[in-house]
Amino acid sequence: MKTCLPFVVVAMLGLNGVAQARSLDAIRDSGVLGLCAHPNSLPFANKAGDPPGFQIELGNAFARELGVSLRPDWIITQYQMRSAGCDILLDVIADREAQGETRLRISKPYYRTGVALAVPSSSTLTSFKSLNGSTKVGVQVGSVAAMIIGQRRVPTSTFGFESDSLDALSNHEIDAAAVTPTVASYFNLTHPDKALRILDRDESVADLNWNVAVGMVRPDDALREAIDGALERLRNDGTIDRIYGRYGVLLQAPR
């Protein structure tokens, strides 16, 4: 199964408009909360449902908090959000400038992530700073990481999916992979015989780090408050940590 950066993270790349969202009252009247998700992007979401992905599990938790059921709206690209009719998206970059074109309103952040380096357990690499002209790094095509690492004159190999770069790394085709800790952690969970070492993110490079929030499709004030309230309760009782933990992901607190 291919795994790329979730479309809700990269949605800022080109969405020019989104569908009109429903108010909190309309959501409760209909009895469903619509969540836009990719149907084949574990660990984020999986239409086949075994496992469903942490976005679907967390979406169900939000729906329960609002007293409704969850309706996944399966989309392949961010452009389909305009017609999908969903109410929320998960794992969205919590930055208003980044979401300028998506027009998504964002909740309070609930974890922090970015781009880390995955390396073989035997690697002598310790950070982005230890990369040099003799280390080849797998990067996702068109990503900020690809640009930044390329500017440092470090050799790169481009991949369409993060999982492809991790496969190449485990097969010793490259020396490191610039991927999200989320995807690298899930790789380790599902490939225990090929477990990789995940180096700490470099917080000194702002573009390689971000907080994550719930994205809301033009919500009314009541929906924004309800999502923020549900988010706080789910964080405080450990629900969010437990959901992500089932996919091998240890969340870091937002900054």
C-alpha atoms as a PDB file:
ATOM      1  CA  MET A   1       0.000   0.000   0.000  1.00  0.00           C
ATOM      2  CA  LYS A   2       1.395   3.397  -0.998  1.00  0.00           C
ATOM      3  CA  THR A   3       1.715   6.102   1.598  1.00  0.00           C
ATOM      4  CA  CYS A   4       2.236   9.735   0.750  1.00  0.00           C
ATOM      5  CA  LEU A   5       1.922  12.873   2.790  1.00  0.00           C
ATOM      6  CA  PRO A   6      -1.781  13.093   3.602  1.00  0.00           C
ATOM      7  CA  PHE A   7      -3.572  15.301   1.123  1.00  0.00           C
ATOM      8  CA  VAL A   8      -4.844  17.412   4.013  1.00  0.00           C
ATOM      9  CA  VAL A   9      -1.245  18.347   4.760  1.00  0.00           C
ATOM     10  CA  VAL A  10      -0.372  19.229   1.184  1.00  0.00           C
ATOM     11  CA  ALA A  11      -3.731  20.786   0.372  1.00  0.00           C
ATOM     12  CA  MET A  12      -2.110  24.208   0.509  1.00  0.00           C
ATOM     13  CA  LEU A  13      -0.455  23.494  -2.830  1.00  0.00           C
ATOM     14  CA  GLY A  14      -3.351  24.417  -5.037  1.00  0.00           C
ATOM     15  CA  LEU A  15      -6.927  24.387  -3.773  1.00  0.00           C
ATOM     16  CA  ASN A  16      -8.766  27.488  -4.920  1.00  0.00           C
ATOM     17  CA  GLY A  17     -12.088  26.928  -3.217  1.00  0.00           C
ATOM     18  CA  VAL A  18     -14.072  24.536  -1.057  1.00  0.00           C
ATOM     19  CA  ALA A  19     -17.706  23.567  -0.714  1.00  0.00           C
ATOM     20  CA  GLN A  20     -19.965  25.437   1.651  1.00  0.00           C
ATOM     21  CA  ALA A  21     -19.885  23.805   5.055  1.00  0.00           C
ATOM     22  CA  ARG A  22     -22.842  23.110   7.262  1.00  0.00           C
ATOM     23  CA  SER A  23     -23.457  24.705  10.632  1.00  0.00           C
ATOM     24  CA  LEU A  24     -23.250  22.734  13.867  1.00  0.00           C
ATOM     25  CA  ASP A  25     -27.057  22.707  14.018  1.00  0.00           C
ATOM     26  CA  ALA A  26     -27.247  21.311  10.479  1.00  0.00           C
ATOM     27  CA  ILE A  27     -24.729  18.585  11.338  1.00  0.00           C
ATOM     28  CA  ARG A  28     -26.712  17.577  14.399  1.00  0.00           C
ATOM     29  CA  ASP A  29     -29.998  17.715  12.496  1.00  0.00           C
ATOM     30  CA  SER A  30     -28.604  15.389   9.831  1.00  0.00           C
ATOM     31  CA  GLY A  31     -27.008  13.090  12.411  1.00  0.00           C
ATOM     32  CA  VAL A  32     -23.668  12.845  10.560  1.00  0.00           C
ATOM     33  CA  LEU A  33     -20.280  14.558  10.549  1.00  0.00           C
ATOM     34  CA  GLY A  34     -18.542  14.462   7.165  1.00  0.00           C
ATOM     35  CA  LEU A  35     -14.804  13.770   7.130  1.00  0.00           C
ATOM     36  CA  CYS A  36     -12.751  14.066   3.936  1.00  0.00           C
ATOM     37  CA  ALA A  37     -10.103  11.333   3.783  1.00  0.00           C
ATOM     38  CA  HIS A  38      -8.012   9.465   1.233  1.00  0.00           C
ATOM     39  CA  PRO A  39      -9.283   5.885   0.749  1.00  0.00           C
ATOM     40  CA  ASN A  40      -5.856   4.253   0.481  1.00  0.00           C
ATOM     41  CA  SER A  41      -3.341   6.082   2.658  1.00  0.00           C
ATOM     42  CA  LEU A  42      -2.512   4.116   5.792  1.00  0.00           C
ATOM     43  CA  PRO A  43      -1.777   4.992   8.507  1.00  0.00           C
ATOM     44  CA  PHE A  44      -3.998   8.019   7.840  1.00  0.00           C
ATOM     45  CA  ALA A  45      -7.123   6.394   6.387  1.00  0.00           C
ATOM     46  CA  ASN A  46      -8.195   3.209   4.671  1.00  0.00           C
ATOM     47  CA  LYS A  47     -11.559   2.619   2.988  1.00  0.00           C
ATOM     48  CA  ALA A  48     -11.124  -1.151   3.342  1.00  0.00           C
ATOM     49  CA  GLY A  49     -11.268  -0.606   7.072  1.00  0.00           C
ATOM     50  CA  ASP A  50      -8.750  -3.139   8.395  1.00  0.00           C
ATOM     51  CA  PRO A  51      -7.254  -1.148   9.994  1.00  0.00           C
ATOM     52  CA  PRO A  52      -9.292   1.997   9.298  1.00  0.00           C
ATOM     53  CA  GLY A  53      -6.485   4.514   9.881  1.00  0.00           C
ATOM     54  CA  PHE A  54      -6.128   7.013  12.678  1.00  0.00           C
ATOM     55  CA  GLN A  55      -8.057   9.736  10.843  1.00  0.00           C
ATOM     56  CA  ILE A  56     -11.142   7.541  10.695  1.00  0.00           C
ATOM     57  CA  GLU A  57     -10.774   6.491  14.321  1.00  0.00           C
ATOM     58  CA  LEU A  58     -10.314  10.088  15.448  1.00  0.00           C
ATOM     59  CA  GLY A  59     -13.163  11.213  13.201  1.00  0.00           C
ATOM     60  CA  ASN A  60     -15.429   8.718  14.940  1.00  0.00           C
ATOM     61  CA  ALA A  61     -14.328  10.110  18.297  1.00  0.00           C
ATOM     62  CA  PHE A  62     -15.200  13.661  17.194  1.00  0.00           C
ATOM     63  CA  ALA A  63     -18.561  12.482  15.885  1.00  0.00           C
ATOM     64  CA  ARG A  64     -19.373  10.854  19.212  1.00  0.00           C
ATOM     65  CA  GLU A  65     -18.459  14.064  21.023  1.00  0.00           C
ATOM     66  CA  LEU A  66     -20.920  15.953  18.810  1.00  0.00           C
ATOM     67  CA  GLY A  67     -23.619  13.302  19.283  1.00  0.00           C
ATOM     68  CA  VAL A  68     -23.658  12.164  15.645  1.00  0.00           C
ATOM     69  CA  SER A  69     -22.124   9.424  13.492  1.00  0.00           C
ATOM     70  CA  LEU A  70     -19.202   9.756  11.101  1.00  0.00           C
ATOM     71  CA  ARG A  71     -19.565   9.822   7.312  1.00  0.00           C
ATOM     72  CA  PRO A  72     -16.229   9.398   5.516  1.00  0.00           C
ATOM     73  CA  ASP A  73     -16.136  11.331   2.255  1.00  0.00           C
ATOM     74  CA  TRP A  74     -13.485   9.540   0.202  1.00  0.00           C
ATOM     75  CA  ILE A  75     -11.434  11.759  -2.079  1.00  0.00           C
ATOM     76  CA  ILE A  76      -8.168  11.222  -3.944  1.00  0.00           C
ATOM     77  CA  THR A  77      -6.983  14.800  -4.428  1.00  0.00           C
ATOM     78  CA  GLN A  78      -7.474  18.016  -2.508  1.00  0.00           C
ATOM     79  CA  TYR A  79      -9.412  19.494  -5.430  1.00  0.00           C
ATOM     80  CA  GLN A  80     -12.283  17.105  -4.715  1.00  0.00           C
ATOM     81  CA  MET A  81     -12.970  18.796  -1.391  1.00  0.00           C
ATOM     82  CA  ARG A  82     -14.951  21.376  -3.330  1.00  0.00           C
ATOM     83  CA  SER A  83     -17.617  18.833  -4.204  1.00  0.00           C
ATOM     84  CA  ALA A  84     -17.288  16.241  -1.422  1.00  0.00           C
ATOM     85  CA  GLY A  85     -19.368  18.171   1.091  1.00  0.00           C
ATOM     86  CA  CYS A  86     -17.282  17.192   4.121  1.00  0.00           C
ATOM     87  CA  ASP A  87     -17.244  19.217   7.319  1.00  0.00           C
ATOM     88  CA  ILE A  88     -13.738  18.543   8.630  1.00  0.00           C
ATOM     89  CA  LEU A  89     -10.294  17.275   7.655  1.00  0.00           C
ATOM     90  CA  LEU A  90      -7.632  15.947   9.998  1.00  0.00           C
ATOM     91  CA  ASP A  91      -3.845  16.295  10.215  1.00  0.00           C
ATOM     92  CA  VAL A  92      -3.964  19.783   8.695  1.00  0.00           C
ATOM     93  CA  ILE A  93      -1.037  22.189   8.984  1.00  0.00           C
ATOM     94  CA  ALA A  94      -2.000  24.592  11.777  1.00  0.00           C
ATOM     95  CA  ASP A  95      -0.920  27.749  10.036  1.00  0.00           C
ATOM     96  CA  ARG A  96      -3.324  30.315   8.628  1.00  0.00           C
ATOM     97  CA  GLU A  97      -0.892  31.395   5.944  1.00  0.00           C
ATOM     98  CA  ALA A  98      -0.410  27.788   4.840  1.00  0.00           C
ATOM     99  CA  GLN A  99      -4.176  27.385   4.644  1.00  0.00           C
ATOM    100  CA  GLY A 100      -4.713  30.664   2.800  1.00  0.00           C
ATOM    101  CA  GLU A 101      -5.773  29.016  -0.451  1.00  0.00           C
ATOM    102  CA  THR A 102      -7.699  26.131   1.103  1.00  0.00           C
ATOM    103  CA  ARG A 103      -9.821  28.583   3.107  1.00  0.00           C
ATOM    104  CA  LEU A 104      -9.937  26.031   5.879  1.00  0.00           C
ATOM    105  CA  ARG A 105     -10.432  27.313   9.402  1.00  0.00           C
ATOM    106  CA  ILE A 106      -8.187  25.557  11.868  1.00  0.00           C
ATOM    107  CA  SER A 107      -8.748  24.338  15.397  1.00  0.00           C
ATOM    108  CA  LYS A 108      -6.332  24.562  18.264  1.00  0.00           C
ATOM    109  CA  PRO A 109      -3.285  22.407  17.417  1.00  0.00           C
ATOM    110  CA  TYR A 110      -3.136  18.918  18.880  1.00  0.00           C
ATOM    111  CA  TYR A 111       0.351  17.690  17.979  1.00  0.00           C
ATOM    112  CA  ARG A 112       3.599  18.721  16.328  1.00  0.00           C
ATOM    113  CA  THR A 113       5.327  17.012  13.431  1.00  0.00           C
ATOM    114  CA  GLY A 114       7.377  17.821  10.354  1.00  0.00           C
ATOM    115  CA  VAL A 115      10.152  16.180   8.371  1.00  0.00           C
ATOM    116  CA  ALA A 116      12.605  13.834  10.051  1.00  0.00           C
ATOM    117  CA  LEU A 117      15.364  11.609   8.769  1.00  0.00           C
ATOM    118  CA  ALA A 118      14.884   7.847   8.812  1.00  0.00           C
ATOM    119  CA  VAL A 119      18.151   5.916   8.661  1.00  0.00           C
ATOM    120  CA  PRO A 120      19.232   2.284   9.020  1.00  0.00           C
ATOM    121  CA  SER A 121      19.957   1.222  12.587  1.00  0.00           C
ATOM    122  CA  SER A 122      23.664   0.959  11.728  1.00  0.00           C
ATOM    123  CA  SER A 123      23.908   4.456  10.220  1.00  0.00           C
ATOM    124  CA  THR A 124      26.379   6.983  11.613  1.00  0.00           C
ATOM    125  CA  LEU A 125      24.116   9.895  10.616  1.00  0.00           C
ATOM    126  CA  THR A 126      22.832  11.861  13.600  1.00  0.00           C
ATOM    127  CA  SER A 127      20.917  14.820  12.115  1.00  0.00           C
ATOM    128  CA  PHE A 128      20.247  16.849   8.980  1.00  0.00           C
ATOM    129  CA  LYS A 129      23.510  18.662   9.692  1.00  0.00           C
ATOM    130  CA  SER A 130      25.470  15.428   9.283  1.00  0.00           C
ATOM    131  CA  LEU A 131      24.334  15.010   5.668  1.00  0.00           C
ATOM    132  CA  ASN A 132      27.053  15.638   3.107  1.00  0.00           C
ATOM    133  CA  GLY A 133      28.005  15.132  -0.509  1.00  0.00           C
ATOM    134  CA  SER A 134      28.381  11.379  -0.076  1.00  0.00           C
ATOM    135  CA  THR A 135      24.998  10.701   1.541  1.00  0.00           C
ATOM    136  CA  LYS A 136      22.051  10.121  -0.777  1.00  0.00           C
ATOM    137  CA  VAL A 137      18.686  11.086   0.700  1.00  0.00           C
ATOM    138  CA  GLY A 138      15.258   9.977  -0.473  1.00  0.00           C
ATOM    139  CA  VAL A 139      12.823  12.888  -0.753  1.00  0.00           C
ATOM    140  CA  GLN A 140       9.252  13.249  -1.926  1.00  0.00           C
ATOM    141  CA  VAL A 141       9.021  14.869  -5.327  1.00  0.00           C
ATOM    142  CA  GLY A 142       8.203  18.575  -5.146  1.00  0.00           C
ATOM    143  CA  SER A 143       8.493  18.728  -1.358  1.00  0.00           C
ATOM    144  CA  VAL A 144      10.013  21.519   0.718  1.00  0.00           C
ATOM    145  CA  ALA A 145      12.445  18.951   2.120  1.00  0.00           C
ATOM    146  CA  ALA A 146      13.649  18.175  -1.400  1.00  0.00           C
ATOM    147  CA  MET A 147      14.339  21.855  -2.016  1.00  0.00           C
ATOM    148  CA  ILE A 148      16.097  22.476   1.301  1.00  0.00           C
ATOM    149  CA  ILE A 149      18.265  19.363   1.138  1.00  0.00           C
ATOM    150  CA  GLY A 150      19.095  20.041  -2.512  1.00  0.00           C
ATOM    151  CA  GLN A 151      20.201  23.576  -1.628  1.00  0.00           C
ATOM    152  CA  ARG A 152      22.716  22.035   0.748  1.00  0.00           C
ATOM    153  CA  ARG A 153      24.186  20.143  -2.218  1.00  0.00           C
ATOM    154  CA  VAL A 154      23.299  16.795  -0.718  1.00  0.00           C
ATOM    155  CA  PRO A 155      22.522  14.147  -3.376  1.00  0.00           C
ATOM    156  CA  THR A 156      18.840  13.219  -3.460  1.00  0.00           C
ATOM    157  CA  SER A 157      16.659  10.547  -4.984  1.00  0.00           C
ATOM    158  CA  THR A 158      13.016  11.498  -5.571  1.00  0.00           C
ATOM    159  CA  PHE A 159       9.992   9.332  -4.853  1.00  0.00           C
ATOM    160  CA  GLY A 160       6.284   9.815  -5.358  1.00  0.00           C
ATOM    161  CA  PHE A 161       5.412   8.276  -1.993  1.00  0.00           C
ATOM    162  CA  GLU A 162       7.086   8.329   1.393  1.00  0.00           C
ATOM    163  CA  SER A 163       6.660   4.569   1.696  1.00  0.00           C
ATOM    164  CA  ASP A 164       8.653   4.087  -1.522  1.00  0.00           C
ATOM    165  CA  SER A 165      11.598   5.986  -0.070  1.00  0.00           C
ATOM    166  CA  LEU A 166      11.414   3.893   3.106  1.00  0.00           C
ATOM    167  CA  ASP A 167      11.405   0.701   1.040  1.00  0.00           C
ATOM    168  CA  ALA A 168      14.443   1.961  -0.861  1.00  0.00           C
ATOM    169  CA  LEU A 169      16.150   2.796   2.419  1.00  0.00           C
ATOM    170  CA  SER A 170      15.488  -0.644   3.882  1.00  0.00           C
ATOM    171  CA  ASN A 171      16.912  -2.151   0.676  1.00  0.00           C
ATOM    172  CA  HIS A 172      20.104  -0.053   1.072  1.00  0.00           C
ATOM    173  CA  GLU A 173      19.483   1.923  -2.125  1.00  0.00           C
ATOM    174  CA  ILE A 174      19.779   5.257  -0.296  1.00  0.00           C
ATOM    175  CA  ASP A 175      21.414   6.394   2.953  1.00  0.00           C
ATOM    176  CA  ALA A 176      18.469   8.228   4.533  1.00  0.00           C
ATOM    177  CA  ALA A 177      14.859   9.194   3.851  1.00  0.00           C
ATOM    178  CA  ALA A 178      13.330  12.595   4.610  1.00  0.00           C
ATOM    179  CA  VAL A 179       9.847  11.641   5.770  1.00  0.00           C
ATOM    180  CA  THR A 180       7.291  12.478   8.419  1.00  0.00           C
ATOM    181  CA  PRO A 181       7.853  10.695  11.748  1.00  0.00           C
ATOM    182  CA  THR A 182       4.252   9.478  11.422  1.00  0.00           C
ATOM    183  CA  VAL A 183       4.900   7.453   8.283  1.00  0.00           C
ATOM    184  CA  ALA A 184       8.312   6.251   9.482  1.00  0.00           C
ATOM    185  CA  SER A 185       6.814   5.061  12.767  1.00  0.00           C
ATOM    186  CA  TYR A 186       4.077   3.148  10.971  1.00  0.00           C
ATOM    187  CA  PHE A 187       6.702   1.570   8.716  1.00  0.00           C
ATOM    188  CA  ASN A 188       8.533   0.324  11.788  1.00  0.00           C
ATOM    189  CA  LEU A 189       5.313  -1.057  13.245  1.00  0.00           C
ATOM    190  CA  THR A 190       4.500  -2.979  10.074  1.00  0.00           C
ATOM    191  CA  HIS A 191       8.100  -3.969   9.237  1.00  0.00           C
ATOM    192  CA  PRO A 192       9.602  -5.023  12.573  1.00  0.00           C
ATOM    193  CA  ASP A 193      12.310  -7.011  10.794  1.00  0.00           C
ATOM    194  CA  LYS A 194      13.412  -3.874   8.910  1.00  0.00           C
ATOM    195  CA  ALA A 195      12.971  -1.279  11.665  1.00  0.00           C
ATOM    196  CA  LEU A 196      14.645   2.055  10.955  1.00  0.00           C
ATOM    197  CA  ARG A 197      16.041   4.664  13.311  1.00  0.00           C
ATOM    198  CA  ILE A 198      14.116   7.952  13.259  1.00  0.00           C
ATOM    199  CA  LEU A 199      16.309  10.950  13.990  1.00  0.00           C
ATOM    200  CA  ASP A 200      14.961  13.959  15.849  1.00  0.00           C
ATOM    201  CA  ARG A 201      13.469  16.721  13.730  1.00  0.00           C
ATOM    202  CA  ASP A 202      15.584  19.833  13.231  1.00  0.00           C
ATOM    203  CA  GLU A 203      13.538  22.610  14.828  1.00  0.00           C
ATOM    204  CA  SER A 204      16.044  25.193  13.589  1.00  0.00           C
ATOM    205  CA  VAL A 205      14.563  24.871  10.074  1.00  0.00           C
ATOM    206  CA  ALA A 206      11.086  26.345  10.426  1.00  0.00           C
ATOM    207  CA  ASP A 207       9.778  25.036   7.089  1.00  0.00           C
ATOM    208  CA  LEU A 208      10.452  21.438   8.147  1.00  0.00           C
ATOM    209  CA  ASN A 209       8.300  21.631  11.293  1.00  0.00           C
ATOM    210  CA  TRP A 210       4.651  22.413  11.923  1.00  0.00           C
ATOM    211  CA  ASN A 211       1.775  22.021  14.343  1.00  0.00           C
ATOM    212  CA  VAL A 212      -1.234  19.955  13.306  1.00  0.00           C
ATOM    213  CA  ALA A 213      -4.905  20.812  13.773  1.00  0.00           C
ATOM    214  CA  VAL A 214      -8.414  19.963  12.635  1.00  0.00           C
ATOM    215  CA  GLY A 215      -9.338  21.757   9.417  1.00  0.00           C
ATOM    216  CA  MET A 216     -12.940  22.968   9.197  1.00  0.00           C
ATOM    217  CA  VAL A 217     -14.644  23.866   5.941  1.00  0.00           C
ATOM    218  CA  ARG A 218     -15.909  27.388   6.624  1.00  0.00           C
ATOM    219  CA  PRO A 219     -17.537  26.520   9.958  1.00  0.00           C
ATOM    220  CA  ASP A 220     -19.897  28.679  11.932  1.00  0.00           C
ATOM    221  CA  ASP A 221     -18.748  29.836  15.358  1.00  0.00           C
ATOM    222  CA  ALA A 222     -20.695  27.088  17.103  1.00  0.00           C
ATOM    223  CA  LEU A 223     -18.946  24.335  15.131  1.00  0.00           C
ATOM    224  CA  ARG A 224     -15.517  25.845  15.749  1.00  0.00           C
ATOM    225  CA  GLU A 225     -16.198  25.989  19.477  1.00  0.00           C
ATOM    226  CA  ALA A 226     -17.591  22.449  19.509  1.00  0.00           C
ATOM    227  CA  ILE A 227     -14.550  21.040  17.685  1.00  0.00           C
ATOM    228  CA  ASP A 228     -12.128  22.886  19.959  1.00  0.00           C
ATOM    229  CA  GLY A 229     -14.018  21.648  23.018  1.00  0.00           C
ATOM    230  CA  ALA A 230     -14.078  18.058  21.760  1.00  0.00           C
ATOM    231  CA  LEU A 231     -10.397  18.279  20.896  1.00  0.00           C
ATOM    232  CA  GLU A 232      -9.499  19.415  24.404  1.00  0.00           C
ATOM    233  CA  ARG A 233     -11.493  16.586  25.998  1.00  0.00           C
ATOM    234  CA  LEU A 234     -10.009  13.944  23.674  1.00  0.00           C
ATOM    235  CA  ARG A 235      -6.494  15.181  24.396  1.00  0.00           C
ATOM    236  CA  ASN A 236      -7.021  15.344  28.136  1.00  0.00           C
ATOM    237  CA  ASP A 237      -8.462  11.838  28.459  1.00  0.00           C
ATOM    238  CA  GLY A 238      -5.715  10.316  26.292  1.00  0.00           C
ATOM    239  CA  THR A 239      -7.985   9.278  23.424  1.00  0.00           C
ATOM    240  CA  ILE A 240      -5.890  10.963  20.732  1.00  0.00           C
ATOM    241  CA  ASP A 241      -2.627   9.501  22.022  1.00  0.00           C
ATOM    242  CA  ARG A 242      -4.179   6.026  22.179  1.00  0.00           C
ATOM    243  CA  ILE A 243      -5.555   6.223  18.636  1.00  0.00           C
ATOM    244  CA  TYR A 244      -2.239   7.288  17.098  1.00  0.00           C
ATOM    245  CA  GLY A 245      -0.378   4.866  19.351  1.00  0.00           C
ATOM    246  CA  ARG A 246      -2.211   1.940  17.756  1.00  0.00           C
ATOM    247  CA  TYR A 247      -0.386   2.883  14.541  1.00  0.00           C
ATOM    248  CA  GLY A 248       3.008   3.085  16.225  1.00  0.00           C
ATOM    249  CA  VAL A 249       2.951   6.887  16.377  1.00  0.00           C
ATOM    250  CA  LEU A 250       4.070   8.744  19.490  1.00  0.00           C
ATOM    251  CA  LEU A 251       2.706  12.274  19.339  1.00  0.00           C
ATOM    252  CA  GLN A 252       4.711  15.313  20.378  1.00  0.00           C
ATOM    253  CA  ALA A 253       2.979  18.260  22.011  1.00  0.00           C
ATOM    254  CA  PRO A 254       2.357  21.309  19.809  1.00  0.00           C
ATOM    255  CA  ARG A 255       4.425  24.456  20.265  1.00  0.00           C
END
